[in-house]
Amino acid sequence: MKQSNATPPIRVEVNATRRLEAASQVHAAYIGLDVHKATIAVSVAETGRQAPEFRGEIPNAPKAIDKLVSQLSQRFEGQPLLFSYEAGPCGYGLYHQVQATGHDCEVVAPALIPRKAGDRVKTDRRDAQMLARLSRSGELTPVWVPTPEQEAIRDLTRAREDMKAIELKTRQRLGAFLLRHGKVYAGKSKWTQAHLRWLETVRFDTPVQQIVLEEYVAAVKEAQRRVAGLEAQMREVLPTWSLAPVVEALMAMRGISLIAGMTVLAELGDISRFDSPRQLMAYLGLVPSEHSSGGSRRQGGITKTGNGHVRRVLVEAAWSYRFPARKTRTIQQRAEKTSPTVQAIAWEAQKRLCGRYRRLADTGKVTQQVTTAVARELAGFLWAIACEAMGKPHGSRATA
């Protein structure tokens, strides 16, 4: 098969050192856990045995989990065990609880679990046995697990994102209501102070419709209040966050505000743990998909794997590079809080990305494709700045 030089469209393990250490350690048994809200199906695969043993189901409660770990520790005489379960809505509480007992635990990516195409039977028992078997053979791909502090910041940024989505939806409904009745704002920009004053002058013939308007306007203002409150909380909590210096360093980049910088690091944690910028780009799904065989090479749209929150933020930030490179007062004030090296990387990035946006746009490419290409390189520069802020080597591989 012909080898391709394109970045592989896969979700890579972003903590290679931890994974290599776990793989080099021999565990006495590998426990697969099929976790649900109320129950956990447990299967045990011992080293050297063929078929995993199904132990049944236990309640998804801390006491039941402690009892299970204690029983397995006694059975295997205190030797190290490896627990595995799929990432899902139940979170990382089970992971932290198992890790606290001294045993290893991995949360695996569901999309990267090998599955047989002809297997049409799915049960909790089969899933637990499959996890135990694949864990023993080393075929599972763990995901990065945030610390409790990291998870708290991520919950905050996601809550702000959810409230912003509600605000946009409410605005859309109000605009649709006004348009249906021919109430069109003649100004240039909506949702400014002038637009809000115009809304106060809108009148309907029937009292019922007037009430509907007032309720829609009140809903928009309430959504805006919630978004503003969460953004204020983000600004308040930032100085106490261990990654606050990295957020300030990222804000030296054009298009990366406090909200964007906190969102990126809240979702990804320490970006410097990626081995290269290409790995970060592939993880975020910003690389082209590919289906090549023999002498045929076919590339499609981006893979859209990995973290969609960060991908959306980077694409939004990439829109700011459609303008010529320029050190505005706001960008310069943010950059002055960082080191000269970070400022140099940020300015070099702005010159390169603004030029790249202009060159790609001049070729006639679709604007969305141009913005996505710029977002991909933007991720590389963010990786370089994060490495510099964390004191780790990065060289000149930001756009490799």
Foldseek 3Di string as FASTA:
>chain_A
DDDDPFQALDAAQLQVVVLVVVVVDDFQWEWFWEDDQFKIWIWIGGPPDDFIHTPGIDTPDLVRLVVVVVVVCVVSVNTAYEYEYEDDDVACPSQVSVVVVVHHYFHFHPVQQDDDPPDPDDDSRVNRRSNRVCVSVVRTRGHDHDDPLLLVLLVLLVVLVVLVVQLVVLVVVLVVLCVVVPNDDPDDDDPDPVNVVVLVVDDDPDPVVVVVSVVSVVSNVVSVVVSVVSVVVLVVCLVVDPCNLLLLLLLLAQLRDSSLSSNVCSQVPQLLSGPALSSVLSQQQLTWHWDDDDPDTDTHGGRRHHDPSNLVSLLSSLVVLCDAQDCDPVSVVSNVVDDPVSNVLRSVLSNVSSVQLVVVVVVVDDNSVSSSVSSSLSSLSSNCSSCVSVVHDHPPRSRD
